[in-house]
């Protein structure tokens, strides 16, 4: 009977929610290391947009993007939201980059056009920062 039901109602999609990626990956590791590696690349391939909570000092993930260009555009939107919450005035924007010089300069130029009365500085990040948040990263501070 089960075989007849499976033939009549084939599974088109199977949606999965995993509460803990470690358990999911451990379960896959028992079966197929190549499959685990491919899944890990997909899961870790997101470009996270994060914010450090000034009061608690904790890192909060705001959004996960699949493409760098989309992530950088969303960061600009987040900056616009912050400027709007400050009634359109910000004193200074500091951009710190690791390896992503071209992208950092592009963001700086866009911010200078949007906010001509705001000082925008661009700095290369330190190796300590690179170890903390990755070797291809951009950090933007607003004052």
C-alpha atoms as a PDB file:
ATOM      1  CA  UNK A   1       0.000   0.000   0.000  1.00  0.00           C
ATOM      2  CA  UNK A   2       2.808   2.427   0.896  1.00  0.00           C
ATOM      3  CA  UNK A   3       4.472   1.856  -2.483  1.00  0.00           C
ATOM      4  CA  UNK A   4       1.180   2.594  -4.280  1.00  0.00           C
ATOM      5  CA  UNK A   5       0.751   5.832  -2.316  1.00  0.00           C
ATOM      6  CA  UNK A   6       4.314   6.943  -3.121  1.00  0.00           C
ATOM      7  CA  UNK A   7       3.726   6.380  -6.826  1.00  0.00           C
ATOM      8  CA  UNK A   8       0.441   8.297  -6.743  1.00  0.00           C
ATOM      9  CA  UNK A   9       1.725  11.227  -4.652  1.00  0.00           C
ATOM     10  CA  UNK A  10       5.365  11.881  -5.483  1.00  0.00           C
ATOM     11  CA  UNK A  11       7.290  14.280  -3.263  1.00  0.00           C
ATOM     12  CA  UNK A  12       7.860  17.487  -5.211  1.00  0.00           C
ATOM     13  CA  UNK A  13       9.526  19.496  -2.459  1.00  0.00           C
ATOM     14  CA  UNK A  14      10.717  18.815   1.021  1.00  0.00           C
ATOM     15  CA  UNK A  15      11.228  21.837   3.271  1.00  0.00           C
ATOM     16  CA  UNK A  16      13.561  21.497   6.232  1.00  0.00           C
ATOM     17  CA  UNK A  17      14.094  23.568   9.358  1.00  0.00           C
ATOM     18  CA  UNK A  18      17.178  22.733  11.406  1.00  0.00           C
ATOM     19  CA  UNK A  19      17.390  24.180  14.887  1.00  0.00           C
ATOM     20  CA  UNK A  20      21.094  23.407  15.135  1.00  0.00           C
ATOM     21  CA  UNK A  21      23.435  23.302  12.127  1.00  0.00           C
ATOM     22  CA  UNK A  22      26.012  21.315  14.095  1.00  0.00           C
ATOM     23  CA  UNK A  23      23.589  18.422  14.512  1.00  0.00           C
ATOM     24  CA  UNK A  24      22.537  18.623  10.858  1.00  0.00           C
ATOM     25  CA  UNK A  25      26.119  18.553   9.622  1.00  0.00           C
ATOM     26  CA  UNK A  26      27.056  15.768  12.032  1.00  0.00           C
ATOM     27  CA  UNK A  27      24.164  13.676  10.716  1.00  0.00           C
ATOM     28  CA  UNK A  28      25.239  14.238   7.140  1.00  0.00           C
ATOM     29  CA  UNK A  29      28.869  13.512   8.023  1.00  0.00           C
ATOM     30  CA  UNK A  30      27.874  10.008   9.038  1.00  0.00           C
ATOM     31  CA  UNK A  31      26.605   9.367   5.521  1.00  0.00           C
ATOM     32  CA  UNK A  32      28.591  11.378   3.010  1.00  0.00           C
ATOM     33  CA  UNK A  33      31.521  13.744   3.594  1.00  0.00           C
ATOM     34  CA  UNK A  34      31.248  15.193   0.053  1.00  0.00           C
ATOM     35  CA  UNK A  35      27.591  16.043   0.589  1.00  0.00           C
ATOM     36  CA  UNK A  36      28.460  17.674   3.927  1.00  0.00           C
ATOM     37  CA  UNK A  37      31.171  19.790   2.269  1.00  0.00           C
ATOM     38  CA  UNK A  38      28.773  20.969  -0.445  1.00  0.00           C
ATOM     39  CA  UNK A  39      26.069  21.799   2.111  1.00  0.00           C
ATOM     40  CA  UNK A  40      28.575  23.637   4.296  1.00  0.00           C
ATOM     41  CA  UNK A  41      29.672  25.796   1.335  1.00  0.00           C
ATOM     42  CA  UNK A  42      26.051  26.713   0.647  1.00  0.00           C
ATOM     43  CA  UNK A  43      25.273  27.463   4.282  1.00  0.00           C
ATOM     44  CA  UNK A  44      28.411  29.502   4.811  1.00  0.00           C
ATOM     45  CA  UNK A  45      28.238  31.268   1.448  1.00  0.00           C
ATOM     46  CA  UNK A  46      25.979  34.024   2.778  1.00  0.00           C
ATOM     47  CA  UNK A  47      27.254  37.567   3.190  1.00  0.00           C
ATOM     48  CA  UNK A  48      26.035  38.661   6.630  1.00  0.00           C
ATOM     49  CA  UNK A  49      25.221  42.253   7.483  1.00  0.00           C
ATOM     50  CA  UNK A  50      25.965  42.672  11.164  1.00  0.00           C
ATOM     51  CA  UNK A  51      25.789  45.452  13.716  1.00  0.00           C
ATOM     52  CA  UNK A  52      27.521  45.809  17.054  1.00  0.00           C
ATOM     53  CA  UNK A  53      25.067  46.840  19.739  1.00  0.00           C
ATOM     54  CA  UNK A  54      26.714  49.819  21.438  1.00  0.00           C
ATOM     55  CA  UNK A  55      24.974  49.216  24.759  1.00  0.00           C
ATOM     56  CA  UNK A  56      25.624  45.489  25.107  1.00  0.00           C
ATOM     57  CA  UNK A  57      28.666  45.096  22.853  1.00  0.00           C
ATOM     58  CA  UNK A  58      27.055  42.109  21.144  1.00  0.00           C
ATOM     59  CA  UNK A  59      27.115  41.366  17.426  1.00  0.00           C
ATOM     60  CA  UNK A  60      23.651  41.167  15.900  1.00  0.00           C
ATOM     61  CA  UNK A  61      23.048  39.652  12.460  1.00  0.00           C
ATOM     62  CA  UNK A  62      20.655  41.991  10.661  1.00  0.00           C
ATOM     63  CA  UNK A  63      20.428  40.216   7.337  1.00  0.00           C
ATOM     64  CA  UNK A  64      21.989  37.484   5.197  1.00  0.00           C
ATOM     65  CA  UNK A  65      22.574  38.174   1.509  1.00  0.00           C
ATOM     66  CA  UNK A  66      23.695  35.798  -1.215  1.00  0.00           C
ATOM     67  CA  UNK A  67      25.654  38.350  -3.244  1.00  0.00           C
ATOM     68  CA  UNK A  68      28.251  40.921  -2.224  1.00  0.00           C
ATOM     69  CA  UNK A  69      26.663  43.671  -4.335  1.00  0.00           C
ATOM     70  CA  UNK A  70      23.293  43.151  -2.659  1.00  0.00           C
ATOM     71  CA  UNK A  71      24.878  43.171   0.806  1.00  0.00           C
ATOM     72  CA  UNK A  72      26.740  46.423   0.126  1.00  0.00           C
ATOM     73  CA  UNK A  73      23.584  48.069  -1.218  1.00  0.00           C
ATOM     74  CA  UNK A  74      21.659  46.968   1.879  1.00  0.00           C
ATOM     75  CA  UNK A  75      24.414  48.480   4.056  1.00  0.00           C
ATOM     76  CA  UNK A  76      23.916  51.813   2.264  1.00  0.00           C
ATOM     77  CA  UNK A  77      20.183  51.541   2.941  1.00  0.00           C
ATOM     78  CA  UNK A  78      20.857  50.849   6.624  1.00  0.00           C
ATOM     79  CA  UNK A  79      23.087  53.940   6.759  1.00  0.00           C
ATOM     80  CA  UNK A  80      20.311  55.998   5.152  1.00  0.00           C
ATOM     81  CA  UNK A  81      17.897  54.729   7.823  1.00  0.00           C
ATOM     82  CA  UNK A  82      20.350  55.679  10.563  1.00  0.00           C
ATOM     83  CA  UNK A  83      20.867  59.155   9.093  1.00  0.00           C
ATOM     84  CA  UNK A  84      17.110  59.609   8.895  1.00  0.00           C
ATOM     85  CA  UNK A  85      16.775  58.600  12.561  1.00  0.00           C
ATOM     86  CA  UNK A  86      19.368  61.307  13.380  1.00  0.00           C
ATOM     87  CA  UNK A  87      17.182  63.876  11.593  1.00  0.00           C
ATOM     88  CA  UNK A  88      19.480  63.949   8.572  1.00  0.00           C
ATOM     89  CA  UNK A  89      22.652  64.960  10.391  1.00  0.00           C
ATOM     90  CA  UNK A  90      25.768  62.924  10.941  1.00  0.00           C
ATOM     91  CA  UNK A  91      29.208  64.306  11.617  1.00  0.00           C
ATOM     92  CA  UNK A  92      31.492  61.605  10.267  1.00  0.00           C
ATOM     93  CA  UNK A  93      31.555  58.232   8.548  1.00  0.00           C
ATOM     94  CA  UNK A  94      34.580  55.958   8.832  1.00  0.00           C
ATOM     95  CA  UNK A  95      34.962  53.027   6.458  1.00  0.00           C
ATOM     96  CA  UNK A  96      37.489  50.333   7.333  1.00  0.00           C
ATOM     97  CA  UNK A  97      38.153  47.635   4.756  1.00  0.00           C
ATOM     98  CA  UNK A  98      40.159  44.440   4.460  1.00  0.00           C
ATOM     99  CA  UNK A  99      41.093  43.627   0.840  1.00  0.00           C
ATOM    100  CA  UNK A 100      37.853  45.195  -0.488  1.00  0.00           C
ATOM    101  CA  UNK A 101      39.423  48.547  -1.439  1.00  0.00           C
ATOM    102  CA  UNK A 102      37.411  49.071  -4.643  1.00  0.00           C
ATOM    103  CA  UNK A 103      34.122  48.348  -2.877  1.00  0.00           C
ATOM    104  CA  UNK A 104      35.038  50.580   0.078  1.00  0.00           C
ATOM    105  CA  UNK A 105      35.883  53.477  -2.247  1.00  0.00           C
ATOM    106  CA  UNK A 106      32.633  52.963  -4.142  1.00  0.00           C
ATOM    107  CA  UNK A 107      30.679  53.165  -0.874  1.00  0.00           C
ATOM    108  CA  UNK A 108      32.681  56.235   0.186  1.00  0.00           C
ATOM    109  CA  UNK A 109      31.924  58.018  -3.089  1.00  0.00           C
ATOM    110  CA  UNK A 110      28.210  57.229  -2.825  1.00  0.00           C
ATOM    111  CA  UNK A 111      28.109  58.470   0.770  1.00  0.00           C
ATOM    112  CA  UNK A 112      29.958  61.694  -0.155  1.00  0.00           C
ATOM    113  CA  UNK A 113      27.346  62.339  -2.847  1.00  0.00           C
ATOM    114  CA  UNK A 114      24.436  61.615  -0.502  1.00  0.00           C
ATOM    115  CA  UNK A 115      25.853  63.529   2.452  1.00  0.00           C
ATOM    116  CA  UNK A 116      28.143  66.304   1.158  1.00  0.00           C
ATOM    117  CA  UNK A 117      28.449  67.973   4.585  1.00  0.00           C
ATOM    118  CA  UNK A 118      29.678  64.801   6.272  1.00  0.00           C
ATOM    119  CA  UNK A 119      33.341  63.852   6.511  1.00  0.00           C
ATOM    120  CA  UNK A 120      33.901  60.378   5.011  1.00  0.00           C
ATOM    121  CA  UNK A 121      37.212  58.647   5.739  1.00  0.00           C
ATOM    122  CA  UNK A 122      38.486  55.320   4.378  1.00  0.00           C
ATOM    123  CA  UNK A 123      41.114  53.240   6.179  1.00  0.00           C
ATOM    124  CA  UNK A 124      42.718  49.869   5.599  1.00  0.00           C
ATOM    125  CA  UNK A 125      41.904  47.467   8.430  1.00  0.00           C
ATOM    126  CA  UNK A 126      44.451  45.844  10.690  1.00  0.00           C
ATOM    127  CA  UNK A 127      45.378  42.178  10.685  1.00  0.00           C
ATOM    128  CA  UNK A 128      43.639  41.854  14.076  1.00  0.00           C
ATOM    129  CA  UNK A 129      40.381  43.096  12.547  1.00  0.00           C
ATOM    130  CA  UNK A 130      40.879  40.721   9.625  1.00  0.00           C
ATOM    131  CA  UNK A 131      41.177  37.801  12.051  1.00  0.00           C
ATOM    132  CA  UNK A 132      38.035  38.894  13.865  1.00  0.00           C
ATOM    133  CA  UNK A 133      35.633  39.526  10.978  1.00  0.00           C
ATOM    134  CA  UNK A 134      37.371  37.995   7.963  1.00  0.00           C
ATOM    135  CA  UNK A 135      39.896  38.934   5.342  1.00  0.00           C
ATOM    136  CA  UNK A 136      37.275  40.339   2.900  1.00  0.00           C
ATOM    137  CA  UNK A 137      35.225  42.761   4.937  1.00  0.00           C
ATOM    138  CA  UNK A 138      33.993  46.312   5.244  1.00  0.00           C
ATOM    139  CA  UNK A 139      33.163  47.986   8.552  1.00  0.00           C
ATOM    140  CA  UNK A 140      31.357  51.328   8.604  1.00  0.00           C
ATOM    141  CA  UNK A 141      31.106  53.493  11.707  1.00  0.00           C
ATOM    142  CA  UNK A 142      28.810  56.504  11.906  1.00  0.00           C
ATOM    143  CA  UNK A 143      29.356  59.360  14.362  1.00  0.00           C
END
